[in-house]
Protein backbone atom coordinates (compact mmCIF):
# COMPACT_ATOMS: atom_id res chain seq x y z
CA MET A 1 0.02 0.00 0.05
CA ASN A 2 1.53 3.33 -0.98
CA ASP A 3 1.66 6.37 1.22
CA ASN A 4 -1.10 8.13 -0.71
CA MET A 5 -3.28 5.48 -0.03
CA LYS A 6 -2.51 5.50 3.70
CA ASP A 7 -3.06 9.21 3.87
CA ASN A 8 -6.48 8.69 2.15
CA ILE A 9 -7.45 6.04 4.86
CA ASN A 10 -6.32 8.50 7.76
CA ARG A 11 -8.65 11.03 6.25
CA ILE A 12 -11.74 9.01 6.23
CA SER A 13 -14.04 10.61 8.93
CA GLN A 14 -16.30 8.73 11.32
CA ALA A 15 -19.30 9.57 9.25
CA GLU A 16 -17.60 8.60 6.15
CA LEU A 17 -16.66 5.24 7.69
CA GLU A 18 -20.39 4.43 8.19
CA VAL A 19 -20.59 4.76 4.29
CA MET A 20 -17.61 2.46 3.93
CA LYS A 21 -19.11 -0.26 6.21
CA ILE A 22 -22.05 -0.41 4.00
CA LEU A 23 -19.86 -0.77 0.75
CA TRP A 24 -17.66 -3.37 2.52
CA GLN A 25 -20.58 -5.45 3.59
CA ALA A 26 -22.25 -5.39 0.04
CA ASN A 27 -19.04 -6.91 -1.90
CA GLY A 28 -20.23 -5.26 -5.10
CA PRO A 29 -21.56 -2.11 -6.38
CA VAL A 30 -24.04 -0.30 -4.30
CA SER A 31 -26.48 2.58 -5.51
CA THR A 32 -26.78 5.81 -3.90
CA GLY A 33 -30.56 5.09 -3.03
CA ASP A 34 -29.41 1.80 -1.17
CA ILE A 35 -26.75 3.72 0.78
CA TYR A 36 -29.28 6.37 1.58
CA LYS A 37 -31.87 4.01 2.73
CA GLU A 38 -29.37 2.10 5.17
CA LEU A 39 -27.96 5.35 6.45
CA SER A 40 -31.43 6.97 6.93
CA GLU A 41 -32.47 3.75 8.97
CA GLN A 42 -29.55 3.61 10.91
CA MET A 43 -28.39 7.22 11.39
CA GLY A 44 -31.31 9.24 10.56
CA TRP A 45 -29.46 11.01 7.82
CA ASP A 46 -31.06 12.76 4.68
CA ARG A 47 -30.11 12.42 1.07
CA SER A 48 -28.13 15.48 0.90
CA THR A 49 -25.75 14.22 3.92
CA VAL A 50 -25.23 10.90 2.11
CA ARG A 51 -24.52 12.52 -1.05
CA THR A 52 -21.97 14.80 0.54
CA LEU A 53 -20.17 11.89 2.15
CA LEU A 54 -20.09 10.06 -1.07
CA LYS A 55 -18.72 12.98 -2.86
CA ARG A 56 -15.79 13.33 -0.35
CA LEU A 57 -15.15 9.83 -0.31
CA THR A 58 -14.82 9.92 -4.18
CA GLU A 59 -12.57 13.02 -3.96
CA LYS A 60 -10.27 11.25 -1.55
CA GLY A 61 -10.00 8.21 -3.77
CA SER A 62 -11.51 5.85 -1.33
CA VAL A 63 -14.53 4.91 -3.49
CA ILE A 64 -15.09 4.77 -7.28
CA THR A 65 -18.16 5.53 -8.98
CA ASN A 66 -19.60 3.07 -11.53
CA LYS A 67 -22.69 3.95 -13.89
CA LEU A 68 -25.01 1.23 -14.27
CA LYS A 69 -28.66 1.94 -14.59
CA VAL A 70 -28.05 4.37 -11.82
CA LEU A 71 -24.82 5.64 -10.17
CA ASN A 72 -23.23 3.01 -7.87
CA TYR A 73 -20.04 3.10 -5.63
CA LEU A 74 -17.29 0.60 -4.90
CA PRO A 75 -14.77 0.93 -2.42
CA VAL A 76 -11.19 1.30 -3.36
CA VAL A 77 -9.89 0.80 0.28
CA SER A 78 -10.60 -2.73 1.72
CA GLU A 79 -11.86 -2.94 5.22
CA LYS A 80 -8.64 -4.93 6.12
CA GLU A 81 -6.48 -2.00 4.77
CA TYR A 82 -8.58 0.55 6.70
CA CYS A 83 -8.21 -1.46 9.94
CA ASP A 84 -4.45 -2.19 9.48
CA VAL A 85 -3.69 1.67 9.03
CA GLN A 86 -5.90 2.76 11.86
CA THR A 87 -4.59 -0.05 14.23
CA LYS A 88 -1.00 1.10 13.34
CA ASN A 89 -1.94 4.67 14.06
CA PHE A 90 -3.56 3.69 17.42
CA VAL A 91 -0.52 1.70 18.44
CA GLU A 92 1.87 4.55 17.57
CA ARG A 93 -0.42 7.21 19.25
CA LEU A 94 -1.22 5.43 22.62
CA TYR A 95 1.63 2.87 22.91
CA GLY A 96 4.59 4.49 21.29
CA GLY A 97 4.57 2.07 18.39
CA SER A 98 5.03 -0.96 20.76
CA ALA A 99 2.52 -3.85 19.90
CA LYS A 100 3.93 -5.59 23.12
CA ARG A 101 2.69 -2.68 25.37
CA LEU A 102 -0.80 -2.98 23.56
CA VAL A 103 -0.90 -6.82 24.26
CA SER A 104 0.25 -6.12 27.83
CA SER A 105 -2.60 -3.74 28.30
CA LEU A 106 -5.22 -6.17 26.83
CA VAL A 107 -3.95 -8.98 29.11
CA GLU A 108 -4.04 -6.80 32.21
CA ASN A 109 -7.29 -5.00 31.55
CA TYR A 110 -9.53 -7.69 29.97
CA ASN A 111 -10.63 -11.02 31.09
CA LEU A 112 -8.96 -12.95 28.29
CA THR A 113 -10.08 -16.66 28.44
CA THR A 114 -7.65 -19.58 28.37
CA THR A 115 -8.83 -20.05 24.65
CA ASP A 116 -7.95 -16.25 23.79
CA ILE A 117 -4.64 -16.71 25.29
CA GLU A 118 -3.96 -19.91 23.40
CA GLU A 119 -5.11 -18.17 20.06
CA LEU A 120 -2.67 -15.41 20.71
CA ARG A 121 0.21 -17.93 21.49
CA GLU A 122 -0.45 -19.77 18.28
CA LEU A 123 -0.49 -16.60 16.24
CA LEU A 124 2.76 -15.58 17.63
CA ASN A 125 4.22 -19.14 17.14
CA SER A 126 3.09 -19.20 13.49
CA GLY A 127 5.25 -16.25 12.69
CA GLY A 128 2.75 -13.49 13.38
CA GLY A 129 5.45 -11.74 15.55
CA LYS A 130 8.77 -10.14 14.29
CA ASP A 131 11.85 -9.60 16.20
CA GLU A 132 12.39 -5.89 17.06
């Protein structure tokens, strides 16, 4: 992923993220009307708000438009890419870039089950961890 894409991901607002969630769940083109219907039910937003958010996401390069019978939108940024960049930013901001400090905080502050701990151990043993 290039730096420009990371910048675009960092610039996705919380409201725009709600639009992206709908696009990610759809796994295909989604019309403005369908996006509006979903967000008006979930968030109470009107059509102009949805159109504004879609326009901003298009300008940022996070979605592309596709003209079928009506204008449709497709995500350019995957949900995994978004989560990876946001997680990295979170760890940088709150834990000085130390994933070890993040995991330590999770272990100390959450009631992880034995299964949770075993799954984490398996992930680390499978090469999920890197030497610093």
